[in-house]
Protein backbone atom coordinates (compact mmCIF):
# COMPACT_ATOMS: atom_id res chain seq x y z
CA MET A 1 -114.02 15.78 -126.96
CA TYR A 2 -116.50 13.30 -125.60
CA GLN A 3 -118.75 14.59 -122.85
CA ILE A 4 -121.87 13.77 -120.86
CA ILE A 5 -124.28 16.72 -120.72
CA THR A 6 -127.50 17.21 -118.79
CA VAL A 7 -130.24 18.62 -120.99
CA GLU A 8 -133.75 20.00 -120.26
CA ASP A 9 -136.33 19.82 -123.04
CA GLU A 10 -139.88 18.88 -123.84
CA ILE A 11 -140.50 15.58 -125.63
CA SER A 12 -143.71 14.45 -127.26
CA VAL A 13 -144.60 10.76 -126.80
CA PRO A 14 -146.87 9.49 -129.58
CA PRO A 15 -149.95 7.42 -128.68
CA GLU A 16 -148.43 4.16 -129.96
CA LYS A 17 -145.73 4.39 -127.23
CA LEU A 18 -148.15 5.08 -124.39
CA ASN A 19 -148.61 1.36 -123.71
CA LEU A 20 -144.99 1.14 -122.52
CA LYS A 21 -143.80 2.17 -119.02
CA LEU A 22 -143.47 5.99 -118.88
CA ASP A 23 -139.68 5.88 -118.44
CA ASP A 24 -139.31 3.58 -121.45
CA SER A 25 -141.64 5.57 -123.69
CA VAL A 26 -139.94 8.89 -122.88
CA LYS A 27 -136.43 7.41 -123.34
CA ASP A 28 -137.43 5.80 -126.63
CA SER A 29 -138.86 9.12 -127.90
CA LEU A 30 -135.76 11.01 -126.77
CA GLU A 31 -133.50 8.50 -128.58
CA SER A 32 -135.57 8.83 -131.80
CA LYS A 33 -135.35 12.61 -131.58
CA PHE A 34 -131.78 13.17 -130.54
CA GLU A 35 -129.47 10.25 -131.28
CA GLY A 36 -127.35 10.85 -134.40
CA SER A 37 -128.28 14.53 -134.64
CA ILE A 38 -125.80 17.41 -134.69
CA ASN A 39 -126.16 20.43 -132.46
CA THR A 40 -123.85 23.41 -132.84
CA GLU A 41 -123.56 23.77 -129.03
CA VAL A 42 -122.91 20.19 -128.03
CA GLY A 43 -121.69 18.49 -131.21
CA VAL A 44 -122.82 15.07 -132.38
CA ILE A 45 -125.31 13.45 -130.02
CA LEU A 46 -124.29 9.79 -129.75
CA ALA A 47 -126.66 8.46 -127.11
CA VAL A 48 -129.31 9.36 -124.54
CA THR A 49 -127.74 7.75 -121.50
CA GLU A 50 -130.42 8.23 -118.86
CA VAL A 51 -133.64 10.12 -118.03
CA ASP A 52 -133.34 11.97 -114.72
CA GLU A 53 -136.76 13.68 -114.34
CA ILE A 54 -140.12 13.52 -116.10
CA GLU A 55 -142.66 16.11 -115.14
CA GLU A 56 -146.41 15.93 -115.66
CA GLY A 57 -147.43 15.62 -119.28
CA THR A 58 -149.87 17.76 -121.24
CA ILE A 59 -152.09 17.04 -124.19
CA LEU A 60 -152.51 19.84 -126.70
CA PRO A 61 -155.71 20.35 -128.72
CA GLY A 62 -155.42 18.57 -132.12
CA ASP A 63 -152.31 16.67 -131.08
CA PRO A 64 -152.70 13.06 -129.83
CA SER A 65 -149.18 12.97 -128.36
CA VAL A 66 -148.43 13.64 -124.65
CA HIS A 67 -145.80 16.35 -124.10
CA TYR A 68 -143.48 15.84 -121.14
CA PRO A 69 -140.91 18.35 -119.81
CA VAL A 70 -137.85 16.15 -119.14
CA LYS A 71 -134.32 16.37 -117.78
CA PHE A 72 -131.96 13.82 -119.25
CA LYS A 73 -128.29 13.05 -120.00
CA ILE A 74 -126.65 12.65 -123.41
CA LEU A 75 -123.26 11.51 -124.59
CA SER A 76 -121.91 13.80 -127.26
CA TRP A 77 -118.73 14.32 -129.23
CA MET A 78 -117.72 17.92 -129.91
CA PRO A 79 -114.64 18.13 -132.15
CA LYS A 80 -112.33 20.95 -131.05
CA GLU A 81 -109.64 22.70 -133.10
CA HIS A 82 -106.13 21.42 -132.37
CA GLU A 83 -107.50 18.22 -130.78
CA ILE A 84 -105.56 15.06 -131.68
CA VAL A 85 -107.86 12.29 -132.96
CA GLU A 86 -107.29 8.73 -134.16
CA GLY A 87 -109.33 7.16 -136.90
CA GLU A 88 -109.42 4.97 -140.00
CA VAL A 89 -109.05 6.06 -143.63
CA VAL A 90 -112.31 5.26 -145.28
CA ASP A 91 -111.71 6.79 -148.77
CA ILE A 92 -108.79 8.07 -150.85
CA THR A 93 -109.39 10.62 -153.58
CA GLU A 94 -107.18 12.76 -155.87
CA PHE A 95 -107.57 15.66 -153.42
CA GLY A 96 -106.98 13.83 -150.14
CA ALA A 97 -108.11 11.21 -147.66
CA PHE A 98 -111.33 10.93 -145.71
CA VAL A 99 -110.82 9.72 -142.10
CA ARG A 100 -113.55 8.44 -139.82
CA CYS A 101 -112.76 9.90 -136.45
CA GLY A 102 -115.32 9.94 -133.67
CA ALA A 103 -118.79 10.26 -135.11
CA LEU A 104 -117.79 12.22 -138.23
CA ASP A 105 -115.56 11.89 -141.28
CA GLY A 106 -112.81 14.46 -141.68
CA LEU A 107 -110.82 15.44 -144.74
CA VAL A 108 -107.04 15.39 -144.85
CA HIS A 109 -106.26 17.50 -147.92
CA ILE A 110 -103.52 16.06 -150.05
CA SER A 111 -101.27 18.99 -149.03
CA GLN A 112 -101.76 18.00 -145.35
CA VAL A 113 -101.12 14.22 -145.61
CA MET A 114 -97.32 14.34 -144.95
CA ASP A 115 -94.35 16.66 -145.12
CA ASP A 116 -93.49 15.53 -148.60
CA TYR A 117 -94.76 15.92 -152.18
CA VAL A 118 -97.73 13.51 -152.38
CA SER A 119 -99.08 11.92 -155.52
CA TYR A 120 -102.38 10.07 -156.05
CA ASP A 121 -102.19 6.49 -157.34
CA GLU A 122 -105.67 6.05 -158.84
CA LYS A 123 -105.12 2.46 -159.85
CA ASN A 124 -104.41 1.30 -156.28
CA SER A 125 -106.39 4.10 -154.57
CA GLN A 126 -103.52 5.33 -152.42
CA LEU A 127 -101.43 8.39 -151.72
CA ILE A 128 -97.62 8.09 -152.03
CA GLY A 129 -94.88 10.45 -150.71
CA LYS A 130 -92.33 11.18 -153.45
CA GLN A 131 -89.15 11.12 -151.26
CA THR A 132 -90.24 9.12 -148.25
CA ARG A 133 -92.22 6.52 -150.37
CA ARG A 134 -94.71 6.39 -147.53
CA VAL A 135 -98.14 5.08 -148.61
CA LEU A 136 -101.60 5.99 -147.24
CA LYS A 137 -104.43 3.71 -148.21
CA GLU A 138 -107.97 2.75 -147.25
CA GLY A 139 -108.12 0.92 -143.91
CA ASP A 140 -104.98 2.58 -142.47
CA LYS A 141 -105.24 3.61 -138.85
CA VAL A 142 -104.09 7.25 -138.52
CA ARG A 143 -103.48 9.99 -135.97
CA ALA A 144 -104.42 13.55 -137.03
CA ARG A 145 -104.98 17.01 -135.63
CA ILE A 146 -108.23 18.85 -136.19
CA ILE A 147 -107.52 22.19 -137.91
CA SER A 148 -111.08 23.34 -138.77
CA VAL A 149 -114.62 22.54 -137.63
CA SER A 150 -117.79 23.65 -139.36
CA PHE A 151 -121.42 22.77 -138.42
CA LYS A 152 -123.12 24.94 -141.07
CA GLU A 153 -125.23 23.23 -143.75
CA GLN A 154 -122.96 20.22 -143.75
CA SER A 155 -120.71 19.25 -140.92
CA LYS A 156 -117.05 19.41 -141.97
CA LEU A 157 -113.80 18.53 -140.21
CA GLY A 158 -110.42 19.61 -141.64
CA LEU A 159 -107.49 17.48 -140.55
CA THR A 160 -103.68 17.59 -140.85
CA MET A 161 -101.09 14.84 -140.47
CA ARG A 162 -98.03 17.01 -141.33
CA GLN A 163 -96.69 17.25 -137.77
CA PRO A 164 -94.40 14.97 -135.77
CA LEU A 165 -96.02 11.75 -134.56
CA LEU A 166 -99.05 12.27 -136.80
CA GLY A 167 -100.02 10.15 -139.84
CA SER A 168 -100.43 6.51 -140.41
CA LEU A 169 -99.67 4.57 -137.21
CA ARG A 170 -97.60 2.27 -139.50
CA TRP A 171 -95.25 5.21 -140.21
CA LEU A 172 -94.36 5.47 -136.48
CA THR A 173 -92.72 2.00 -136.58
CA GLU A 174 -91.12 1.99 -140.06
CA PRO A 175 -88.59 4.67 -141.19
CA ALA A 176 -89.23 6.55 -144.39
CA VAL A 177 -86.99 5.67 -147.41
CA SER A 178 -85.19 9.01 -147.03
CA GLU A 179 -84.54 8.24 -143.36
CA LYS A 180 -83.01 4.78 -143.88
CA THR A 181 -79.29 4.53 -143.77
CA THR A 182 -77.80 3.49 -147.07
CA ARG A 183 -74.50 1.78 -147.67
CA GLU A 184 -71.75 3.70 -149.36
CA PRO A 185 -71.14 2.50 -152.95
CA ARG A 186 -68.43 -0.18 -153.23
CA LYS A 187 -66.21 2.02 -155.43
CA GLU A 188 -66.18 4.81 -152.76
CA ARG A 189 -65.32 2.28 -149.97
CA ARG A 190 -62.38 0.96 -152.00
CA LYS A 191 -61.04 4.48 -152.57
CA ARG A 192 -61.16 5.25 -148.88
CA GLY A 193 -59.34 1.99 -148.09
CA ARG A 194 -56.41 2.82 -150.36
CA LYS A 195 -55.46 6.11 -148.72
């Protein structure tokens, strides 16, 4: 879920940024410190959107930076379990597909790609359903559900596409091989016609 959050913190502005306007130097320092970082409470911090308040700064002994208590807004993305996300397949491996959704990559394990037996085609770097003949490859746009989130040592997202209306967006417009209607063999049609 994307959200804008108001944060209060102290930021240190190094001496080389003190020649800028105060608002610009504080915002630049906040962007350097926070953007792209992951926080277990707010998720992935995508941007510092604005600085609301800057209080009087202090200089600490032995530290040339000026420390300012600030109040500012950030744009963050916090993945939630059961949330539906759309993304792009960025890598196919023998154990599943990596999907870039939001600011993180998630793993769709091979058992969670589709409701079919799935095999890995190493030569073409794609996953293929045995009965449906559906193919998942790099660059495919997909819709998936988040089934696990972890922000421990490495951030990890577990995804599934085994539910209705999930999977490659291509699959929503083309029927699977097992769903296509097939013509009755000619011999069987003749037998029916003779009765």
